[in-house]
């Protein structure tokens, strides 16, 4: 039970960090420059990959979210070019 409690806290923290990073990405997507958006995309993908590697989130869910972010990034940068 001690291990499950510790893991639960760690998983909860990791999920919260991911949600915060996703919100930050969406905020930059709405108001930021393409360079800022690329930086946030990289940071978000890195956090999703780490969480998927540790099985905090399902790898397919992380891949799906990364795909959605890449689509948003592409849409935002295509307008600027």
PDB file of N, CA and C in Angstrom:
ATOM      1  N   UNK A   1       0.813  -1.199   0.000  1.00  0.00           N
ATOM      2  CA  UNK A   1       0.000   0.000   0.000  1.00  0.00           C
ATOM      3  C   UNK A   1       0.856   1.262   0.000  1.00  0.00           C
ATOM      4  N   UNK A   2       1.993   1.195   0.661  1.00  0.00           N
ATOM      5  CA  UNK A   2       2.853   2.375   0.673  1.00  0.00           C
ATOM      6  C   UNK A   2       3.347   2.699  -0.723  1.00  0.00           C
ATOM      7  N   UNK A   3       3.712   1.660  -1.476  1.00  0.00           N
ATOM      8  CA  UNK A   3       4.196   1.883  -2.828  1.00  0.00           C
ATOM      9  C   UNK A   3       3.086   2.460  -3.710  1.00  0.00           C
ATOM     10  N   UNK A   4       1.898   1.929  -3.580  1.00  0.00           N
ATOM     11  CA  UNK A   4       0.810   2.423  -4.421  1.00  0.00           C
ATOM     12  C   UNK A   4       0.473   3.868  -4.086  1.00  0.00           C
ATOM     13  N   UNK A   5       0.566   4.237  -2.820  1.00  0.00           N
ATOM     14  CA  UNK A   5       0.310   5.624  -2.434  1.00  0.00           C
ATOM     15  C   UNK A   5       1.373   6.552  -3.028  1.00  0.00           C
ATOM     16  N   UNK A   6       2.623   6.143  -2.949  1.00  0.00           N
ATOM     17  CA  UNK A   6       3.706   6.955  -3.501  1.00  0.00           C
ATOM     18  C   UNK A   6       3.554   7.083  -5.017  1.00  0.00           C
ATOM     19  N   UNK A   7       3.221   5.992  -5.669  1.00  0.00           N
ATOM     20  CA  UNK A   7       3.039   6.015  -7.123  1.00  0.00           C
ATOM     21  C   UNK A   7       1.849   6.883  -7.507  1.00  0.00           C
ATOM     22  N   UNK A   8       0.788   6.788  -6.723  1.00  0.00           N
ATOM     23  CA  UNK A   8      -0.400   7.586  -7.003  1.00  0.00           C
ATOM     24  C   UNK A   8      -0.068   9.076  -6.947  1.00  0.00           C
ATOM     25  N   UNK A   9       0.681   9.467  -5.941  1.00  0.00           N
ATOM     26  CA  UNK A   9       1.074  10.871  -5.824  1.00  0.00           C
ATOM     27  C   UNK A   9       1.966  11.301  -6.982  1.00  0.00           C
ATOM     28  N   UNK A  10       2.916  10.451  -7.346  1.00  0.00           N
ATOM     29  CA  UNK A  10       3.824  10.761  -8.454  1.00  0.00           C
ATOM     30  C   UNK A  10       3.054  10.859  -9.770  1.00  0.00           C
ATOM     31  N   UNK A  11       2.133   9.909  -9.992  1.00  0.00           N
ATOM     32  CA  UNK A  11       1.342   9.920 -11.218  1.00  0.00           C
ATOM     33  C   UNK A  11       0.446  11.153 -11.285  1.00  0.00           C
ATOM     34  N   UNK A  12      -0.155  11.489 -10.166  1.00  0.00           N
ATOM     35  CA  UNK A  12      -1.031  12.655 -10.115  1.00  0.00           C
ATOM     36  C   UNK A  12      -0.245  13.926 -10.433  1.00  0.00           C
ATOM     37  N   UNK A  13       0.952  14.029  -9.879  1.00  0.00           N
ATOM     38  CA  UNK A  13       1.795  15.188 -10.141  1.00  0.00           C
ATOM     39  C   UNK A  13       2.172  15.271 -11.606  1.00  0.00           C
ATOM     40  N   UNK A  14       2.547  14.133 -12.172  1.00  0.00           N
ATOM     41  CA  UNK A  14       2.942  14.104 -13.574  1.00  0.00           C
ATOM     42  C   UNK A  14       1.782  14.493 -14.478  1.00  0.00           C
ATOM     43  N   UNK A  15       0.596  13.989 -14.192  1.00  0.00           N
ATOM     44  CA  UNK A  15      -0.578  14.333 -14.996  1.00  0.00           C
ATOM     45  C   UNK A  15      -0.902  15.819 -14.886  1.00  0.00           C
ATOM     46  N   UNK A  16      -0.737  16.375 -13.704  1.00  0.00           N
ATOM     47  CA  UNK A  16      -0.988  17.804 -13.501  1.00  0.00           C
ATOM     48  C   UNK A  16       0.005  18.636 -14.307  1.00  0.00           C
ATOM     49  N   UNK A  17       1.264  18.225 -14.312  1.00  0.00           N
ATOM     50  CA  UNK A  17       2.294  18.932 -15.077  1.00  0.00           C
ATOM     51  C   UNK A  17       1.961  18.898 -16.568  1.00  0.00           C
ATOM     52  N   UNK A  18       1.509  17.744 -17.048  1.00  0.00           N
ATOM     53  CA  UNK A  18       1.151  17.614 -18.460  1.00  0.00           C
ATOM     54  C   UNK A  18      -0.028  18.520 -18.800  1.00  0.00           C
ATOM     55  N   UNK A  19      -1.044  18.518 -17.949  1.00  0.00           N
ATOM     56  CA  UNK A  19      -2.213  19.366 -18.202  1.00  0.00           C
ATOM     57  C   UNK A  19      -1.829  20.839 -18.223  1.00  0.00           C
ATOM     58  N   UNK A  20      -0.962  21.240 -17.307  1.00  0.00           N
ATOM     59  CA  UNK A  20      -0.503  22.627 -17.258  1.00  0.00           C
ATOM     60  C   UNK A  20       0.258  22.973 -18.526  1.00  0.00           C
ATOM     61  N   UNK A  21       1.126  22.067 -18.969  1.00  0.00           N
ATOM     62  CA  UNK A  21       1.915  22.300 -20.176  1.00  0.00           C
ATOM     63  C   UNK A  21       1.008  22.392 -21.409  1.00  0.00           C
ATOM     64  N   UNK A  22      -0.024  21.558 -21.459  1.00  0.00           N
ATOM     65  CA  UNK A  22      -0.966  21.612 -22.574  1.00  0.00           C
ATOM     66  C   UNK A  22      -1.711  22.948 -22.599  1.00  0.00           C
ATOM     67  N   UNK A  23      -2.110  23.423 -21.443  1.00  0.00           N
ATOM     68  CA  UNK A  23      -2.785  24.717 -21.365  1.00  0.00           C
ATOM     69  C   UNK A  23      -1.849  25.832 -21.821  1.00  0.00           C
ATOM     70  N   UNK A  24      -0.587  25.737 -21.427  1.00  0.00           N
ATOM     71  CA  UNK A  24       0.399  26.731 -21.822  1.00  0.00           C
ATOM     72  C   UNK A  24       0.588  26.721 -23.339  1.00  0.00           C
ATOM     73  N   UNK A  25       0.634  25.519 -23.931  1.00  0.00           N
ATOM     74  CA  UNK A  25       0.768  25.391 -25.382  1.00  0.00           C
ATOM     75  C   UNK A  25      -0.423  26.051 -26.080  1.00  0.00           C
ATOM     76  N   UNK A  26      -1.632  25.768 -25.590  1.00  0.00           N
ATOM     77  CA  UNK A  26      -2.824  26.320 -26.229  1.00  0.00           C
ATOM     78  C   UNK A  26      -2.879  27.839 -26.091  1.00  0.00           C
ATOM     79  N   UNK A  27      -2.391  28.344 -24.971  1.00  0.00           N
ATOM     80  CA  UNK A  27      -2.347  29.785 -24.770  1.00  0.00           C
ATOM     81  C   UNK A  27      -1.387  30.435 -25.761  1.00  0.00           C
ATOM     82  N   UNK A  28      -0.214  29.835 -25.932  1.00  0.00           N
ATOM     83  CA  UNK A  28       0.766  30.354 -26.879  1.00  0.00           C
ATOM     84  C   UNK A  28       0.239  30.201 -28.302  1.00  0.00           C
ATOM     85  N   UNK A  29      -0.488  29.127 -28.576  1.00  0.00           N
ATOM     86  CA  UNK A  29      -1.067  28.929 -29.909  1.00  0.00           C
ATOM     87  C   UNK A  29      -2.045  30.044 -30.247  1.00  0.00           C
ATOM     88  N   UNK A  30      -2.739  30.520 -29.241  1.00  0.00           N
ATOM     89  CA  UNK A  30      -3.725  31.572 -29.472  1.00  0.00           C
ATOM     90  C   UNK A  30      -3.084  32.941 -29.627  1.00  0.00           C
ATOM     91  N   UNK A  31      -2.020  33.202 -28.879  1.00  0.00           N
ATOM     92  CA  UNK A  31      -1.501  34.572 -28.845  1.00  0.00           C
ATOM     93  C   UNK A  31      -0.019  34.711 -29.205  1.00  0.00           C
ATOM     94  N   UNK A  32       0.732  33.631 -29.206  1.00  0.00           N
ATOM     95  CA  UNK A  32       2.177  33.734 -29.342  1.00  0.00           C
ATOM     96  C   UNK A  32       2.680  33.707 -30.770  1.00  0.00           C
ATOM     97  N   UNK A  33       3.984  33.832 -30.894  1.00  0.00           N
ATOM     98  CA  UNK A  33       4.636  33.767 -32.191  1.00  0.00           C
ATOM     99  C   UNK A  33       4.901  32.304 -32.556  1.00  0.00           C
ATOM    100  N   UNK A  34       5.165  32.032 -33.825  1.00  0.00           N
ATOM    101  CA  UNK A  34       5.476  30.652 -34.228  1.00  0.00           C
ATOM    102  C   UNK A  34       6.710  30.081 -33.529  1.00  0.00           C
ATOM    103  N   UNK A  35       7.699  30.931 -33.242  1.00  0.00           N
ATOM    104  CA  UNK A  35       8.900  30.453 -32.555  1.00  0.00           C
ATOM    105  C   UNK A  35       8.563  30.009 -31.133  1.00  0.00           C
ATOM    106  N   UNK A  36       7.752  30.801 -30.456  1.00  0.00           N
ATOM    107  CA  UNK A  36       7.329  30.439 -29.102  1.00  0.00           C
ATOM    108  C   UNK A  36       6.503  29.158 -29.126  1.00  0.00           C
ATOM    109  N   UNK A  37       5.679  29.030 -30.152  1.00  0.00           N
ATOM    110  CA  UNK A  37       4.830  27.848 -30.276  1.00  0.00           C
ATOM    111  C   UNK A  37       5.675  26.595 -30.490  1.00  0.00           C
ATOM    112  N   UNK A  38       6.723  26.695 -31.298  1.00  0.00           N
ATOM    113  CA  UNK A  38       7.613  25.541 -31.517  1.00  0.00           C
ATOM    114  C   UNK A  38       8.305  25.134 -30.218  1.00  0.00           C
ATOM    115  N   UNK A  39       8.736  26.122 -29.432  1.00  0.00           N
ATOM    116  CA  UNK A  39       9.387  25.829 -28.155  1.00  0.00           C
ATOM    117  C   UNK A  39       8.421  25.124 -27.205  1.00  0.00           C
ATOM    118  N   UNK A  40       7.204  25.615 -27.127  1.00  0.00           N
ATOM    119  CA  UNK A  40       6.199  24.998 -26.259  1.00  0.00           C
ATOM    120  C   UNK A  40       5.831  23.605 -26.755  1.00  0.00           C
ATOM    121  N   UNK A  41       5.773  23.444 -28.075  1.00  0.00           N
ATOM    122  CA  UNK A  41       5.489  22.128 -28.646  1.00  0.00           C
ATOM    123  C   UNK A  41       6.558  21.122 -28.235  1.00  0.00           C
ATOM    124  N   UNK A  42       7.811  21.525 -28.344  1.00  0.00           N
ATOM    125  CA  UNK A  42       8.918  20.642 -27.975  1.00  0.00           C
ATOM    126  C   UNK A  42       8.848  20.259 -26.499  1.00  0.00           C
ATOM    127  N   UNK A  43       8.593  21.239 -25.655  1.00  0.00           N
ATOM    128  CA  UNK A  43       8.507  20.974 -24.216  1.00  0.00           C
ATOM    129  C   UNK A  43       7.332  20.052 -23.895  1.00  0.00           C
ATOM    130  N   UNK A  44       6.211  20.285 -24.546  1.00  0.00           N
ATOM    131  CA  UNK A  44       5.015  19.471 -24.292  1.00  0.00           C
ATOM    132  C   UNK A  44       5.222  18.036 -24.739  1.00  0.00           C
ATOM    133  N   UNK A  45       5.796  17.865 -25.917  1.00  0.00           N
ATOM    134  CA  UNK A  45       6.035  16.517 -26.444  1.00  0.00           C
ATOM    135  C   UNK A  45       7.016  15.760 -25.556  1.00  0.00           C
ATOM    136  N   UNK A  46       8.016  16.465 -25.069  1.00  0.00           N
ATOM    137  CA  UNK A  46       8.996  15.825 -24.190  1.00  0.00           C
ATOM    138  C   UNK A  46       8.331  15.307 -22.914  1.00  0.00           C
ATOM    139  N   UNK A  47       7.458  16.118 -22.339  1.00  0.00           N
ATOM    140  CA  UNK A  47       6.778  15.696 -21.117  1.00  0.00           C
ATOM    141  C   UNK A  47       5.817  14.541 -21.374  1.00  0.00           C
ATOM    142  N   UNK A  48       5.139  14.583 -22.518  1.00  0.00           N
ATOM    143  CA  UNK A  48       4.244  13.480 -22.862  1.00  0.00           C
ATOM    144  C   UNK A  48       5.022  12.183 -23.076  1.00  0.00           C
ATOM    145  N   UNK A  49       6.162  12.286 -23.758  1.00  0.00           N
ATOM    146  CA  UNK A  49       6.980  11.093 -23.994  1.00  0.00           C
ATOM    147  C   UNK A  49       7.488  10.486 -22.693  1.00  0.00           C
ATOM    148  N   UNK A  50       7.928  11.332 -21.782  1.00  0.00           N
ATOM    149  CA  UNK A  50       8.413  10.831 -20.497  1.00  0.00           C
ATOM    150  C   UNK A  50       7.308  10.143 -19.713  1.00  0.00           C
ATOM    151  N   UNK A  51       6.123  10.749 -19.724  1.00  0.00           N
ATOM    152  CA  UNK A  51       4.996  10.162 -19.001  1.00  0.00           C
ATOM    153  C   UNK A  51       4.586   8.831 -19.630  1.00  0.00           C
ATOM    154  N   UNK A  52       4.633   8.753 -20.949  1.00  0.00           N
ATOM    155  CA  UNK A  52       4.274   7.507 -21.632  1.00  0.00           C
ATOM    156  C   UNK A  52       5.320   6.428 -21.364  1.00  0.00           C
ATOM    157  N   UNK A  53       6.576   6.818 -21.298  1.00  0.00           N
ATOM    158  CA  UNK A  53       7.636   5.850 -21.031  1.00  0.00           C
ATOM    159  C   UNK A  53       7.496   5.264 -19.626  1.00  0.00           C
ATOM    160  N   UNK A  54       7.037   6.088 -18.691  1.00  0.00           N
ATOM    161  CA  UNK A  54       6.842   5.620 -17.314  1.00  0.00           C
ATOM    162  C   UNK A  54       5.459   5.010 -17.106  1.00  0.00           C
ATOM    163  N   UNK A  55       4.655   4.983 -18.189  1.00  0.00           N
ATOM    164  CA  UNK A  55       3.301   4.422 -18.172  1.00  0.00           C
ATOM    165  C   UNK A  55       2.348   5.191 -17.261  1.00  0.00           C
ATOM    166  N   UNK A  56       2.635   6.471 -17.055  1.00  0.00           N
ATOM    167  CA  UNK A  56       1.708   7.306 -16.311  1.00  0.00           C
ATOM    168  C   UNK A  56       0.472   7.551 -17.171  1.00  0.00           C
ATOM    169  N   UNK A  57       0.702   7.795 -18.453  1.00  0.00           N
ATOM    170  CA  UNK A  57      -0.376   7.853 -19.430  1.00  0.00           C
ATOM    171  C   UNK A  57      -0.120   6.751 -20.444  1.00  0.00           C
ATOM    172  N   UNK A  58      -1.162   6.286 -21.080  1.00  0.00           N
ATOM    173  CA  UNK A  58      -1.023   5.220 -22.066  1.00  0.00           C
ATOM    174  C   UNK A  58      -0.248   5.758 -23.269  1.00  0.00           C
ATOM    175  N   UNK A  59       0.683   4.976 -23.802  1.00  0.00           N
ATOM    176  CA  UNK A  59       1.475   5.449 -24.939  1.00  0.00           C
ATOM    177  C   UNK A  59       0.629   5.872 -26.146  1.00  0.00           C
ATOM    178  N   UNK A  60      -0.482   5.180 -26.389  1.00  0.00           N
ATOM    179  CA  UNK A  60      -1.346   5.565 -27.504  1.00  0.00           C
ATOM    180  C   UNK A  60      -2.022   6.911 -27.243  1.00  0.00           C
ATOM    181  N   UNK A  61      -2.372   7.168 -26.002  1.00  0.00           N
ATOM    182  CA  UNK A  61      -2.971   8.459 -25.648  1.00  0.00           C
ATOM    183  C   UNK A  61      -1.952   9.574 -25.839  1.00  0.00           C
ATOM    184  N   UNK A  62      -0.715   9.321 -25.458  1.00  0.00           N
ATOM    185  CA  UNK A  62       0.339  10.317 -25.646  1.00  0.00           C
ATOM    186  C   UNK A  62       0.575  10.562 -27.133  1.00  0.00           C
ATOM    187  N   UNK A  63       0.589   9.501 -27.930  1.00  0.00           N
ATOM    188  CA  UNK A  63       0.792   9.637 -29.374  1.00  0.00           C
ATOM    189  C   UNK A  63      -0.359  10.421 -30.002  1.00  0.00           C
ATOM    190  N   UNK A  64      -1.572  10.155 -29.557  1.00  0.00           N
ATOM    191  CA  UNK A  64      -2.735  10.868 -30.075  1.00  0.00           C
ATOM    192  C   UNK A  64      -2.644  12.354 -29.748  1.00  0.00           C
ATOM    193  N   UNK A  65      -2.264  12.671 -28.521  1.00  0.00           N
ATOM    194  CA  UNK A  65      -2.153  14.061 -28.102  1.00  0.00           C
ATOM    195  C   UNK A  65      -1.030  14.767 -28.868  1.00  0.00           C
ATOM    196  N   UNK A  66       0.088  14.064 -29.075  1.00  0.00           N
ATOM    197  CA  UNK A  66       1.193  14.644 -29.844  1.00  0.00           C
ATOM    198  C   UNK A  66       0.763  14.939 -31.276  1.00  0.00           C
ATOM    199  N   UNK A  67      -0.025  14.057 -31.848  1.00  0.00           N
ATOM    200  CA  UNK A  67      -0.530  14.261 -33.198  1.00  0.00           C
ATOM    201  C   UNK A  67      -1.425  15.494 -33.265  1.00  0.00           C
ATOM    202  N   UNK A  68      -2.277  15.646 -32.276  1.00  0.00           N
ATOM    203  CA  UNK A  68      -3.158  16.807 -32.227  1.00  0.00           C
ATOM    204  C   UNK A  68      -2.353  18.098 -32.091  1.00  0.00           C
ATOM    205  N   UNK A  69      -1.310  18.055 -31.279  1.00  0.00           N
ATOM    206  CA  UNK A  69      -0.469  19.238 -31.095  1.00  0.00           C
ATOM    207  C   UNK A  69       0.291  19.570 -32.373  1.00  0.00           C
ATOM    208  N   UNK A  70       0.782  18.534 -33.056  1.00  0.00           N
ATOM    209  CA  UNK A  70       1.508  18.751 -34.306  1.00  0.00           C
ATOM    210  C   UNK A  70       0.591  19.367 -35.360  1.00  0.00           C
ATOM    211  N   UNK A  71      -0.650  18.917 -35.387  1.00  0.00           N
ATOM    212  CA  UNK A  71      -1.620  19.479 -36.327  1.00  0.00           C
ATOM    213  C   UNK A  71      -1.865  20.954 -36.015  1.00  0.00           C
ATOM    214  N   UNK A  72      -1.997  21.289 -34.742  1.00  0.00           N
ATOM    215  CA  UNK A  72      -2.201  22.681 -34.339  1.00  0.00           C
ATOM    216  C   UNK A  72      -0.981  23.530 -34.675  1.00  0.00           C
ATOM    217  N   UNK A  73       0.205  22.971 -34.458  1.00  0.00           N
ATOM    218  CA  UNK A  73       1.444  23.676 -34.780  1.00  0.00           C
ATOM    219  C   UNK A  73       1.531  23.936 -36.275  1.00  0.00           C
ATOM    220  N   UNK A  74       1.243  22.931 -37.060  1.00  0.00           N
ATOM    221  CA  UNK A  74       1.296  23.055 -38.518  1.00  0.00           C
ATOM    222  C   UNK A  74       0.303  24.097 -39.013  1.00  0.00           C
ATOM    223  N   UNK A  75      -0.885  24.091 -38.439  1.00  0.00           N
ATOM    224  CA  UNK A  75      -1.921  25.039 -38.841  1.00  0.00           C
ATOM    225  C   UNK A  75      -1.493  26.476 -38.535  1.00  0.00           C
ATOM    226  N   UNK A  76      -0.893  26.667 -37.378  1.00  0.00           N
ATOM    227  CA  UNK A  76      -0.484  27.997 -36.947  1.00  0.00           C
ATOM    228  C   UNK A  76       0.713  28.509 -37.764  1.00  0.00           C
ATOM    229  N   UNK A  77       1.674  27.620 -38.051  1.00  0.00           N
ATOM    230  CA  UNK A  77       2.864  28.058 -38.783  1.00  0.00           C
ATOM    231  C   UNK A  77       2.577  28.197 -40.270  1.00  0.00           C
ATOM    232  N   UNK A  78       1.591  27.477 -40.813  1.00  0.00           N
ATOM    233  CA  UNK A  78       1.262  27.584 -42.242  1.00  0.00           C
ATOM    234  C   UNK A  78       0.649  28.949 -42.553  1.00  0.00           C
ATOM    235  N   UNK A  79      -0.063  29.503 -41.595  1.00  0.00           N
ATOM    236  CA  UNK A  79      -0.697  30.823 -41.798  1.00  0.00           C
ATOM    237  C   UNK A  79       0.367  31.899 -41.925  1.00  0.00           C
ATOM    238  N   UNK A  80       1.434  31.773 -41.140  1.00  0.00           N
ATOM    239  CA  UNK A  80       2.469  32.801 -41.106  1.00  0.00           C
ATOM    240  C   UNK A  80       3.281  32.811 -42.395  1.00  0.00           C
ATOM    241  N   UNK A  81       3.542  31.638 -42.945  1.00  0.00           N
ATOM    242  CA  UNK A  81       4.396  31.554 -44.137  1.00  0.00           C
ATOM    243  C   UNK A  81       3.788  32.124 -45.362  1.00  0.00           C
TER     244      UNK A  81
END
